C-alpha atoms as a PDB file:
ATOM      1  CA  UNK A   1     108.294 113.750  97.378  1.00  0.00           C
ATOM      2  CA  UNK A   2     108.682 114.353 101.543  1.00  0.00           C
ATOM      3  CA  UNK A   3     109.045 117.529 102.410  1.00  0.00           C
ATOM      4  CA  UNK A   4     109.257 119.186 105.956  1.00  0.00           C
ATOM      5  CA  UNK A   5     109.367 122.448 107.342  1.00  0.00           C
ATOM      6  CA  UNK A   6     108.723 124.733 110.561  1.00  0.00           C
ATOM      7  CA  UNK A   7     106.354 126.384 110.641  1.00  0.00           C
ATOM      8  CA  UNK A   8     105.944 128.970 113.742  1.00  0.00           C
ATOM      9  CA  UNK A   9     102.437 130.188 115.184  1.00  0.00           C
ATOM     10  CA  UNK A  10     101.454 133.600 115.871  1.00  0.00           C
ATOM     11  CA  UNK A  11      97.372 132.824 115.690  1.00  0.00           C
ATOM     12  CA  UNK A  12      96.079 129.733 117.524  1.00  0.00           C
ATOM     13  CA  UNK A  13      95.421 127.540 114.126  1.00  0.00           C
ATOM     14  CA  UNK A  14      96.961 126.273 110.524  1.00  0.00           C
ATOM     15  CA  UNK A  15      95.191 126.711 107.168  1.00  0.00           C
ATOM     16  CA  UNK A  16      96.667 124.563 104.057  1.00  0.00           C
ATOM     17  CA  UNK A  17      94.481 126.109 100.518  1.00  0.00           C
ATOM     18  CA  UNK A  18      95.778 127.264  96.878  1.00  0.00           C
ATOM     19  CA  UNK A  19      95.306 130.863  96.793  1.00  0.00           C
ATOM     20  CA  UNK A  20      93.862 130.781  92.976  1.00  0.00           C
ATOM     21  CA  UNK A  21      91.202 128.370  93.682  1.00  0.00           C
ATOM     22  CA  UNK A  22      90.533 130.291  97.373  1.00  0.00           C
ATOM     23  CA  UNK A  23      90.430 133.851  95.358  1.00  0.00           C
ATOM     24  CA  UNK A  24      88.098 131.587  92.139  1.00  0.00           C
ATOM     25  CA  UNK A  25      85.618 131.394  95.384  1.00  0.00           C
ATOM     26  CA  UNK A  26      85.740 134.345  96.335  1.00  0.00           C
ATOM     27  CA  UNK A  27      85.520 136.180  94.051  1.00  0.00           C
ATOM     28  CA  UNK A  28      82.691 134.594  92.495  1.00  0.00           C
ATOM     29  CA  UNK A  29      80.911 134.418  96.620  1.00  0.00           C
ATOM     30  CA  UNK A  30      81.388 138.266  95.967  1.00  0.00           C
ATOM     31  CA  UNK A  31      83.902 137.796  98.463  1.00  0.00           C
ATOM     32  CA  UNK A  32      85.209 140.794 100.197  1.00  0.00           C
ATOM     33  CA  UNK A  33      85.745 140.270 104.294  1.00  0.00           C
ATOM     34  CA  UNK A  34      89.828 140.425 105.218  1.00  0.00           C
ATOM     35  CA  UNK A  35      88.360 138.024 108.883  1.00  0.00           C
ATOM     36  CA  UNK A  36      87.284 135.605 106.694  1.00  0.00           C
ATOM     37  CA  UNK A  37      88.130 133.176 109.330  1.00  0.00           C
ATOM     38  CA  UNK A  38      84.686 135.233 111.114  1.00  0.00           C
ATOM     39  CA  UNK A  39      83.298 135.361 107.775  1.00  0.00           C
ATOM     40  CA  UNK A  40      83.187 131.669 107.542  1.00  0.00           C
ATOM     41  CA  UNK A  41      82.365 130.863 110.655  1.00  0.00           C
ATOM     42  CA  UNK A  42      79.327 132.745 110.783  1.00  0.00           C
ATOM     43  CA  UNK A  43      77.406 131.989 107.164  1.00  0.00           C
ATOM     44  CA  UNK A  44      77.764 128.646 108.117  1.00  0.00           C
ATOM     45  CA  UNK A  45      76.372 126.913 104.235  1.00  0.00           C
ATOM     46  CA  UNK A  46      80.231 129.205 103.060  1.00  0.00           C
ATOM     47  CA  UNK A  47      82.145 127.919 105.176  1.00  0.00           C
ATOM     48  CA  UNK A  48      80.910 124.179 104.988  1.00  0.00           C
ATOM     49  CA  UNK A  49      80.857 124.374 100.620  1.00  0.00           C
ATOM     50  CA  UNK A  50      84.658 126.401 101.026  1.00  0.00           C
ATOM     51  CA  UNK A  51      85.972 123.509 103.007  1.00  0.00           C
ATOM     52  CA  UNK A  52      84.374 120.832 100.689  1.00  0.00           C
ATOM     53  CA  UNK A  53      85.201 123.207  97.430  1.00  0.00           C
ATOM     54  CA  UNK A  54      88.561 122.113  98.351  1.00  0.00           C
ATOM     55  CA  UNK A  55      89.326 125.840  98.709  1.00  0.00           C
ATOM     56  CA  UNK A  56      90.937 126.038 102.516  1.00  0.00           C
ATOM     57  CA  UNK A  57      91.895 122.618 105.054  1.00  0.00           C
ATOM     58  CA  UNK A  58      91.260 124.485 108.187  1.00  0.00           C
ATOM     59  CA  UNK A  59      93.309 123.242 110.856  1.00  0.00           C
ATOM     60  CA  UNK A  60      92.478 124.739 114.886  1.00  0.00           C
ATOM     61  CA  UNK A  61      92.605 125.606 117.187  1.00  0.00           C
ATOM     62  CA  UNK A  62      95.874 125.155 117.424  1.00  0.00           C
ATOM     63  CA  UNK A  63      97.854 127.098 120.902  1.00  0.00           C
ATOM     64  CA  UNK A  64     100.332 128.669 120.178  1.00  0.00           C
ATOM     65  CA  UNK A  65     104.565 127.053 121.092  1.00  0.00           C
ATOM     66  CA  UNK A  66     107.215 129.211 122.313  1.00  0.00           C
ATOM     67  CA  UNK A  67     108.653 126.293 119.177  1.00  0.00           C
ATOM     68  CA  UNK A  68     108.190 126.196 115.861  1.00  0.00           C
ATOM     69  CA  UNK A  69     106.457 123.346 114.887  1.00  0.00           C
ATOM     70  CA  UNK A  70     106.958 120.618 112.125  1.00  0.00           C
ATOM     71  CA  UNK A  71     105.098 120.042 109.471  1.00  0.00           C
ATOM     72  CA  UNK A  72     105.904 116.787 106.887  1.00  0.00           C
ATOM     73  CA  UNK A  73     104.596 117.202 103.908  1.00  0.00           C
ATOM     74  CA  UNK A  74     104.109 113.525 102.326  1.00  0.00           C
ATOM     75  CA  UNK A  75     102.267 112.890  98.902  1.00  0.00           C
ATOM     76  CA  UNK A  76     104.249 109.387  98.803  1.00  0.00           C
ATOM     77  CA  UNK A  77     102.287 107.193 101.159  1.00  0.00           C
ATOM     78  CA  UNK A  78     105.380 107.050 103.662  1.00  0.00           C
ATOM     79  CA  UNK A  79     103.847 105.336 106.084  1.00  0.00           C
ATOM     80  CA  UNK A  80     107.435 105.458 108.052  1.00  0.00           C
ATOM     81  CA  UNK A  81     107.430 109.437 107.950  1.00  0.00           C
ATOM     82  CA  UNK A  82     106.913 109.239 111.970  1.00  0.00           C
ATOM     83  CA  UNK A  83     107.324 106.138 114.145  1.00  0.00           C
ATOM     84  CA  UNK A  84     102.845 104.951 114.483  1.00  0.00           C
ATOM     85  CA  UNK A  85     103.570 104.891 118.916  1.00  0.00           C
ATOM     86  CA  UNK A  86     103.889 108.847 118.256  1.00  0.00           C
ATOM     87  CA  UNK A  87     100.287 109.210 115.934  1.00  0.00           C
ATOM     88  CA  UNK A  88      98.120 110.965 117.998  1.00  0.00           C
ATOM     89  CA  UNK A  89      95.476 110.882 115.252  1.00  0.00           C
ATOM     90  CA  UNK A  90      94.637 110.629 111.813  1.00  0.00           C
ATOM     91  CA  UNK A  91      91.906 112.313 110.534  1.00  0.00           C
ATOM     92  CA  UNK A  92      88.575 111.632 107.867  1.00  0.00           C
ATOM     93  CA  UNK A  93      89.674 113.037 103.717  1.00  0.00           C
ATOM     94  CA  UNK A  94      89.659 116.711 103.339  1.00  0.00           C
ATOM     95  CA  UNK A  95      90.303 118.118 100.116  1.00  0.00           C
ATOM     96  CA  UNK A  96      92.248 119.877  98.327  1.00  0.00           C
ATOM     97  CA  UNK A  97      91.447 121.690  95.288  1.00  0.00           C
ATOM     98  CA  UNK A  98      94.847 122.921  93.575  1.00  0.00           C
ATOM     99  CA  UNK A  99      94.239 125.006  90.160  1.00  0.00           C
ATOM    100  CA  UNK A 100      97.985 127.687  90.194  1.00  0.00           C
ATOM    101  CA  UNK A 101     100.839 124.314  91.538  1.00  0.00           C
ATOM    102  CA  UNK A 102     100.852 126.503  94.339  1.00  0.00           C
ATOM    103  CA  UNK A 103      99.888 125.679  98.037  1.00  0.00           C
ATOM    104  CA  UNK A 104     100.112 127.438 100.773  1.00  0.00           C
ATOM    105  CA  UNK A 105     100.925 126.504 104.549  1.00  0.00           C
ATOM    106  CA  UNK A 106     100.758 129.800 106.855  1.00  0.00           C
ATOM    107  CA  UNK A 107      99.517 129.994 110.318  1.00  0.00           C
ATOM    108  CA  UNK A 108      96.156 130.641 110.800  1.00  0.00           C
ATOM    109  CA  UNK A 109      96.447 134.302 110.211  1.00  0.00           C
ATOM    110  CA  UNK A 110      96.395 134.432 106.870  1.00  0.00           C
ATOM    111  CA  UNK A 111      92.874 133.532 107.271  1.00  0.00           C
ATOM    112  CA  UNK A 112      91.955 136.763 110.050  1.00  0.00           C
ATOM    113  CA  UNK A 113      93.706 139.080 107.558  1.00  0.00           C
ATOM    114  CA  UNK A 114      93.581 137.885 104.422  1.00  0.00           C
ATOM    115  CA  UNK A 115      95.395 139.733 101.634  1.00  0.00           C
ATOM    116  CA  UNK A 116      94.498 138.375  98.039  1.00  0.00           C
ATOM    117  CA  UNK A 117      97.667 140.194  96.323  1.00  0.00           C
ATOM    118  CA  UNK A 118      99.975 138.712  98.972  1.00  0.00           C
ATOM    119  CA  UNK A 119      99.557 135.448  98.318  1.00  0.00           C
ATOM    120  CA  UNK A 120      98.069 134.931  94.694  1.00  0.00           C
ATOM    121  CA  UNK A 121     102.132 136.958  94.425  1.00  0.00           C
ATOM    122  CA  UNK A 122     103.588 135.036  97.319  1.00  0.00           C
ATOM    123  CA  UNK A 123     106.571 133.918  95.331  1.00  0.00           C
ATOM    124  CA  UNK A 124     107.396 136.613  94.154  1.00  0.00           C
ATOM    125  CA  UNK A 125     106.514 139.090  97.116  1.00  0.00           C
ATOM    126  CA  UNK A 126     107.750 136.581 100.126  1.00  0.00           C
ATOM    127  CA  UNK A 127     109.445 137.674 103.077  1.00  0.00           C
ATOM    128  CA  UNK A 128     111.823 134.625 103.422  1.00  0.00           C
ATOM    129  CA  UNK A 129     112.122 135.748 107.342  1.00  0.00           C
ATOM    130  CA  UNK A 130     108.876 134.894 108.328  1.00  0.00           C
ATOM    131  CA  UNK A 131     108.379 131.679 109.513  1.00  0.00           C
ATOM    132  CA  UNK A 132     104.627 131.415 109.847  1.00  0.00           C
ATOM    133  CA  UNK A 133     103.180 130.805 106.033  1.00  0.00           C
ATOM    134  CA  UNK A 134     106.040 128.446 103.468  1.00  0.00           C
ATOM    135  CA  UNK A 135     104.586 127.705  99.356  1.00  0.00           C
ATOM    136  CA  UNK A 136     104.935 123.722  97.515  1.00  0.00           C
ATOM    137  CA  UNK A 137     105.099 122.939  95.058  1.00  0.00           C
ATOM    138  CA  UNK A 138     101.602 120.945  94.137  1.00  0.00           C
ATOM    139  CA  UNK A 139     100.590 119.474  90.545  1.00  0.00           C
ATOM    140  CA  UNK A 140      96.846 120.612  89.407  1.00  0.00           C
ATOM    141  CA  UNK A 141      94.989 118.152  91.023  1.00  0.00           C
ATOM    142  CA  UNK A 142      92.618 116.691  93.450  1.00  0.00           C
ATOM    143  CA  UNK A 143      94.029 115.985  96.315  1.00  0.00           C
ATOM    144  CA  UNK A 144      92.490 114.252  99.442  1.00  0.00           C
ATOM    145  CA  UNK A 145      94.185 114.932 102.814  1.00  0.00           C
ATOM    146  CA  UNK A 146      94.500 113.404 106.035  1.00  0.00           C
ATOM    147  CA  UNK A 147      95.900 115.267 108.155  1.00  0.00           C
ATOM    148  CA  UNK A 148      97.936 113.464 111.215  1.00  0.00           C
ATOM    149  CA  UNK A 149      99.217 114.834 114.387  1.00  0.00           C
ATOM    150  CA  UNK A 150     102.321 113.269 116.284  1.00  0.00           C
ATOM    151  CA  UNK A 151     104.188 114.226 119.136  1.00  0.00           C
ATOM    152  CA  UNK A 152     107.543 112.744 119.825  1.00  0.00           C
ATOM    153  CA  UNK A 153     107.817 111.071 122.625  1.00  0.00           C
ATOM    154  CA  UNK A 154     110.738 108.703 121.898  1.00  0.00           C
ATOM    155  CA  UNK A 155     114.819 109.271 121.010  1.00  0.00           C
ATOM    156  CA  UNK A 156     113.862 107.449 117.415  1.00  0.00           C
ATOM    157  CA  UNK A 157     111.571 110.067 116.242  1.00  0.00           C
ATOM    158  CA  UNK A 158     112.035 113.938 115.175  1.00  0.00           C
ATOM    159  CA  UNK A 159     109.769 115.390 115.118  1.00  0.00           C
ATOM    160  CA  UNK A 160     108.326 117.124 119.051  1.00  0.00           C
ATOM    161  CA  UNK A 161     105.285 118.617 117.778  1.00  0.00           C
ATOM    162  CA  UNK A 162     103.669 118.331 114.273  1.00  0.00           C
ATOM    163  CA  UNK A 163     101.356 117.234 110.997  1.00  0.00           C
ATOM    164  CA  UNK A 164     102.027 114.802 109.083  1.00  0.00           C
ATOM    165  CA  UNK A 165      99.855 116.603 105.707  1.00  0.00           C
ATOM    166  CA  UNK A 166      98.916 113.134 103.619  1.00  0.00           C
ATOM    167  CA  UNK A 167      97.740 114.447 100.058  1.00  0.00           C
ATOM    168  CA  UNK A 168      97.017 111.697  97.800  1.00  0.00           C
ATOM    169  CA  UNK A 169      95.749 112.833  93.892  1.00  0.00           C
ATOM    170  CA  UNK A 170      91.912 111.590  93.478  1.00  0.00           C
ATOM    171  CA  UNK A 171      89.790 111.609  90.212  1.00  0.00           C
ATOM    172  CA  UNK A 172      86.778 113.564  92.804  1.00  0.00           C
ATOM    173  CA  UNK A 173      87.745 115.886  95.919  1.00  0.00           C
ATOM    174  CA  UNK A 174      86.477 113.161  98.437  1.00  0.00           C
ATOM    175  CA  UNK A 175      83.194 114.570 100.300  1.00  0.00           C
ATOM    176  CA  UNK A 176      84.003 116.012 103.724  1.00  0.00           C
ATOM    177  CA  UNK A 177      82.493 114.409 106.888  1.00  0.00           C
ATOM    178  CA  UNK A 178      80.044 117.859 107.997  1.00  0.00           C
ATOM    179  CA  UNK A 179      79.011 115.630 111.276  1.00  0.00           C
ATOM    180  CA  UNK A 180      80.806 117.812 113.668  1.00  0.00           C
ATOM    181  CA  UNK A 181      82.445 120.806 112.412  1.00  0.00           C
ATOM    182  CA  UNK A 182      85.454 122.136 112.490  1.00  0.00           C
ATOM    183  CA  UNK A 183      85.569 123.851 115.781  1.00  0.00           C
ATOM    184  CA  UNK A 184      84.893 120.972 117.114  1.00  0.00           C
ATOM    185  CA  UNK A 185      87.917 119.016 116.100  1.00  0.00           C
ATOM    186  CA  UNK A 186      90.773 118.389 118.405  1.00  0.00           C
ATOM    187  CA  UNK A 187      94.003 119.514 116.200  1.00  0.00           C
ATOM    188  CA  UNK A 188      96.192 119.721 119.405  1.00  0.00           C
ATOM    189  CA  UNK A 189      99.161 117.600 119.850  1.00  0.00           C
ATOM    190  CA  UNK A 190     100.766 118.333 122.818  1.00  0.00           C
ATOM    191  CA  UNK A 191      99.745 116.325 124.775  1.00  0.00           C
ATOM    192  CA  UNK A 192      99.547 118.205 128.545  1.00  0.00           C
ATOM    193  CA  UNK A 193      97.538 120.771 126.004  1.00  0.00           C
ATOM    194  CA  UNK A 194      94.859 117.821 125.029  1.00  0.00           C
ATOM    195  CA  UNK A 195      91.801 117.600 125.524  1.00  0.00           C
ATOM    196  CA  UNK A 196      89.911 115.012 126.172  1.00  0.00           C
END
């Protein structure tokens, strides 16, 4: 499956998660904080665990734009989705554990203002007028997820600024490389705002 969506950011980042997987993790660890991003940042051990168990893939900081980010979900390992000369970076694999047949791709506000009932029932409650959150049907499985940042600076590329979310089903979750924190990654795809 290759699916293309447009996502507007109202907070400076993205997050990918299965709401059931994340909620199970929160309940198991008795986490009731509504600002999960702050909680995971301040509690490094649990923050690493929520990522390593495949509950969330946080992608921040990303500047808000006046236009949409293009997000391409690529579970077919199609390397021709965006021309290689438009690729800015490729991450090491992130783990993602899908237990509900549904993943959410949202701006980071989903973690800043966590609403369990909304995300667990997203398919029934979603408001089509919101352009900062989408759900994608995915088979229950473990996934190795790499993120390719893209900036289309030629006429052959249909994406101005965006990300390719490359998903590969795996038996075991990949180990995430915590040699640097998520805060130290450079996920910016706009060359004018990208730091070295």
